[in-house]
Amino acid sequence: MQKLRQLIRLHSQEKGTRVIASALSMSRTTVKKYLSRLKESGMPFEEVLSLRDKDLNELLQEHSCPLKKIKT
C-alpha cells in the first residue's frame, strides 16, 4: 500500500508515468493501470490517501479487473 500511496502523491504533483515508474521501480504500464483503477473509483486522490490500507485495497478490488495485488 505504501507504493500505491507514493504513486498517488507523485501523480498529484503532476509527475509523469515515466518519472513515477522510475521512482517506484515499477513498469509504466503498471503505473497506468493503478491510476486507471483509481480514476474509475471516482474518488478524489486526496480522499483515497486518507483511506485505511484495508479500505484502499477493497476500493481497488471493487473497481478493477483482475490484476496482481500491489506489493508494499
N, C-alpha and C. Protein backbone atom coordinates (compact mmCIF):
# COMPACT_ATOMS: atom_id res chain seq x y z
N MET A 1 0.81 -1.19 0.00
CA MET A 1 0.00 0.00 0.00
C MET A 1 0.86 1.27 0.00
N GLN A 2 2.03 1.16 0.59
CA GLN A 2 2.91 2.33 0.66
C GLN A 2 3.28 2.81 -0.75
N LYS A 3 3.60 1.88 -1.64
CA LYS A 3 3.95 2.27 -3.01
C LYS A 3 2.77 2.92 -3.71
N LEU A 4 1.58 2.41 -3.45
CA LEU A 4 0.39 3.00 -4.06
C LEU A 4 0.18 4.42 -3.56
N ARG A 5 0.36 4.63 -2.29
CA ARG A 5 0.22 5.99 -1.73
C ARG A 5 1.28 6.93 -2.33
N GLN A 6 2.49 6.43 -2.52
CA GLN A 6 3.53 7.24 -3.14
C GLN A 6 3.18 7.55 -4.59
N LEU A 7 2.61 6.57 -5.27
CA LEU A 7 2.19 6.75 -6.66
C LEU A 7 1.15 7.88 -6.74
N ILE A 8 0.18 7.85 -5.84
CA ILE A 8 -0.86 8.89 -5.83
C ILE A 8 -0.26 10.26 -5.55
N ARG A 9 0.63 10.33 -4.58
CA ARG A 9 1.26 11.62 -4.25
C ARG A 9 2.05 12.17 -5.44
N LEU A 10 2.82 11.31 -6.08
CA LEU A 10 3.61 11.76 -7.23
C LEU A 10 2.71 12.21 -8.37
N HIS A 11 1.63 11.47 -8.59
CA HIS A 11 0.69 11.85 -9.65
C HIS A 11 0.03 13.19 -9.33
N SER A 12 -0.32 13.40 -8.08
CA SER A 12 -0.95 14.67 -7.70
C SER A 12 0.02 15.84 -7.80
N GLN A 13 1.32 15.54 -7.81
CA GLN A 13 2.35 16.57 -8.03
C GLN A 13 2.64 16.75 -9.51
N GLU A 14 1.77 16.14 -10.34
CA GLU A 14 1.85 16.23 -11.80
C GLU A 14 3.11 15.61 -12.39
N LYS A 15 3.61 14.59 -11.73
CA LYS A 15 4.73 13.82 -12.28
C LYS A 15 4.18 12.87 -13.33
N GLY A 16 4.93 12.62 -14.35
CA GLY A 16 4.51 11.72 -15.42
C GLY A 16 4.69 10.26 -15.05
N THR A 17 4.10 9.40 -15.86
CA THR A 17 4.18 7.97 -15.57
C THR A 17 5.62 7.45 -15.60
N ARG A 18 6.43 8.01 -16.48
CA ARG A 18 7.83 7.57 -16.57
C ARG A 18 8.58 7.91 -15.27
N VAL A 19 8.37 9.10 -14.74
CA VAL A 19 9.03 9.53 -13.50
C VAL A 19 8.53 8.68 -12.33
N ILE A 20 7.22 8.47 -12.27
CA ILE A 20 6.63 7.68 -11.19
C ILE A 20 7.16 6.25 -11.24
N ALA A 21 7.15 5.67 -12.42
CA ALA A 21 7.62 4.29 -12.58
C ALA A 21 9.07 4.15 -12.14
N SER A 22 9.89 5.09 -12.53
CA SER A 22 11.30 5.05 -12.16
C SER A 22 11.48 5.20 -10.65
N ALA A 23 10.75 6.14 -10.06
CA ALA A 23 10.88 6.40 -8.63
C ALA A 23 10.43 5.22 -7.78
N LEU A 24 9.45 4.46 -8.28
CA LEU A 24 8.88 3.36 -7.51
C LEU A 24 9.32 1.98 -7.99
N SER A 25 10.22 1.95 -8.96
CA SER A 25 10.70 0.69 -9.53
C SER A 25 9.54 -0.17 -10.04
N MET A 26 8.67 0.46 -10.83
CA MET A 26 7.53 -0.21 -11.45
C MET A 26 7.61 0.02 -12.95
N SER A 27 6.87 -0.79 -13.70
CA SER A 27 6.78 -0.51 -15.12
C SER A 27 5.77 0.62 -15.35
N ARG A 28 5.92 1.31 -16.46
CA ARG A 28 4.98 2.39 -16.79
C ARG A 28 3.58 1.83 -16.98
N THR A 29 3.48 0.65 -17.51
CA THR A 29 2.17 0.01 -17.70
C THR A 29 1.48 -0.21 -16.36
N THR A 30 2.23 -0.65 -15.37
CA THR A 30 1.67 -0.88 -14.04
C THR A 30 1.18 0.43 -13.44
N VAL A 31 1.96 1.47 -13.57
CA VAL A 31 1.56 2.79 -13.06
C VAL A 31 0.25 3.22 -13.73
N LYS A 32 0.18 3.07 -15.03
CA LYS A 32 -1.03 3.46 -15.76
C LYS A 32 -2.24 2.65 -15.30
N LYS A 33 -2.07 1.37 -15.06
CA LYS A 33 -3.17 0.53 -14.61
C LYS A 33 -3.68 0.96 -13.23
N TYR A 34 -2.76 1.25 -12.31
CA TYR A 34 -3.18 1.69 -10.98
C TYR A 34 -3.89 3.04 -11.05
N LEU A 35 -3.37 3.96 -11.83
CA LEU A 35 -4.02 5.26 -11.97
C LEU A 35 -5.40 5.12 -12.60
N SER A 36 -5.51 4.24 -13.55
CA SER A 36 -6.80 3.99 -14.19
C SER A 36 -7.81 3.44 -13.18
N ARG A 37 -7.39 2.49 -12.37
CA ARG A 37 -8.25 1.92 -11.34
C ARG A 37 -8.74 3.00 -10.38
N LEU A 38 -7.81 3.85 -9.97
CA LEU A 38 -8.17 4.90 -9.02
C LEU A 38 -9.13 5.91 -9.64
N LYS A 39 -8.92 6.25 -10.89
CA LYS A 39 -9.82 7.18 -11.56
C LYS A 39 -11.21 6.57 -11.72
N GLU A 40 -11.27 5.27 -12.01
CA GLU A 40 -12.55 4.58 -12.15
C GLU A 40 -13.35 4.61 -10.86
N SER A 41 -12.68 4.69 -9.72
CA SER A 41 -13.37 4.70 -8.44
C SER A 41 -14.18 5.98 -8.26
N GLY A 42 -13.77 7.05 -8.93
CA GLY A 42 -14.48 8.32 -8.82
C GLY A 42 -14.15 9.13 -7.59
N MET A 43 -13.27 8.62 -6.75
CA MET A 43 -12.90 9.34 -5.53
C MET A 43 -11.73 10.27 -5.81
N PRO A 44 -11.75 11.47 -5.23
CA PRO A 44 -10.58 12.34 -5.36
C PRO A 44 -9.36 11.68 -4.72
N PHE A 45 -8.20 11.91 -5.32
CA PHE A 45 -6.98 11.27 -4.81
C PHE A 45 -6.71 11.64 -3.35
N GLU A 46 -7.04 12.87 -2.95
CA GLU A 46 -6.82 13.28 -1.56
C GLU A 46 -7.63 12.40 -0.61
N GLU A 47 -8.84 12.07 -1.01
CA GLU A 47 -9.69 11.21 -0.20
C GLU A 47 -9.16 9.78 -0.18
N VAL A 48 -8.67 9.33 -1.31
CA VAL A 48 -8.10 7.97 -1.39
C VAL A 48 -6.92 7.85 -0.44
N LEU A 49 -6.09 8.88 -0.37
CA LEU A 49 -4.92 8.85 0.51
C LEU A 49 -5.30 8.75 1.98
N SER A 50 -6.49 9.22 2.33
CA SER A 50 -6.90 9.19 3.73
C SER A 50 -7.52 7.85 4.14
N LEU A 51 -7.74 6.96 3.17
CA LEU A 51 -8.31 5.65 3.48
C LEU A 51 -7.31 4.77 4.22
N ARG A 52 -7.85 3.88 5.05
CA ARG A 52 -7.00 2.87 5.69
C ARG A 52 -6.58 1.88 4.62
N ASP A 53 -5.50 1.15 4.87
CA ASP A 53 -4.99 0.18 3.89
C ASP A 53 -6.06 -0.81 3.47
N LYS A 54 -6.81 -1.32 4.44
CA LYS A 54 -7.86 -2.29 4.14
C LYS A 54 -8.90 -1.69 3.20
N ASP A 55 -9.33 -0.48 3.48
CA ASP A 55 -10.34 0.17 2.65
C ASP A 55 -9.80 0.50 1.26
N LEU A 56 -8.55 0.89 1.21
CA LEU A 56 -7.92 1.18 -0.08
C LEU A 56 -7.84 -0.10 -0.93
N ASN A 57 -7.47 -1.19 -0.32
CA ASN A 57 -7.41 -2.46 -1.03
C ASN A 57 -8.79 -2.87 -1.53
N GLU A 58 -9.81 -2.71 -0.70
CA GLU A 58 -11.18 -3.03 -1.11
C GLU A 58 -11.63 -2.14 -2.26
N LEU A 59 -11.29 -0.88 -2.21
CA LEU A 59 -11.65 0.05 -3.27
C LEU A 59 -11.06 -0.41 -4.60
N LEU A 60 -9.82 -0.81 -4.58
CA LEU A 60 -9.16 -1.26 -5.81
C LEU A 60 -9.74 -2.58 -6.29
N GLN A 61 -10.12 -3.45 -5.39
CA GLN A 61 -10.70 -4.72 -5.77
C GLN A 61 -12.07 -4.53 -6.41
N GLU A 62 -12.86 -3.60 -5.89
CA GLU A 62 -14.21 -3.36 -6.39
C GLU A 62 -14.21 -2.75 -7.78
N HIS A 63 -13.25 -1.90 -8.06
CA HIS A 63 -13.25 -1.12 -9.29
C HIS A 63 -12.17 -1.55 -10.25
N SER A 64 -11.86 -2.83 -10.27
CA SER A 64 -10.76 -3.22 -11.12
C SER A 64 -11.01 -4.55 -11.81
N CYS A 65 -10.29 -4.73 -12.88
CA CYS A 65 -10.24 -6.04 -13.49
C CYS A 65 -9.14 -6.80 -12.77
N PRO A 66 -9.10 -8.11 -12.86
CA PRO A 66 -8.12 -8.87 -12.09
C PRO A 66 -6.68 -8.57 -12.52
N LEU A 67 -5.95 -8.00 -11.61
CA LEU A 67 -4.52 -7.79 -11.77
C LEU A 67 -3.86 -8.23 -10.48
N LYS A 68 -2.56 -8.43 -10.52
CA LYS A 68 -1.91 -8.85 -9.29
C LYS A 68 -1.96 -7.73 -8.26
N LYS A 69 -1.96 -8.11 -6.99
CA LYS A 69 -2.07 -7.13 -5.91
C LYS A 69 -0.80 -6.29 -5.82
N ILE A 70 -0.97 -5.13 -5.24
CA ILE A 70 0.15 -4.21 -5.05
C ILE A 70 1.02 -4.72 -3.91
N LYS A 71 2.31 -4.78 -4.15
CA LYS A 71 3.25 -5.22 -3.12
C LYS A 71 3.76 -3.99 -2.39
N THR A 72 3.91 -4.09 -1.07
CA THR A 72 4.43 -2.98 -0.28
C THR A 72 5.84 -3.24 0.13
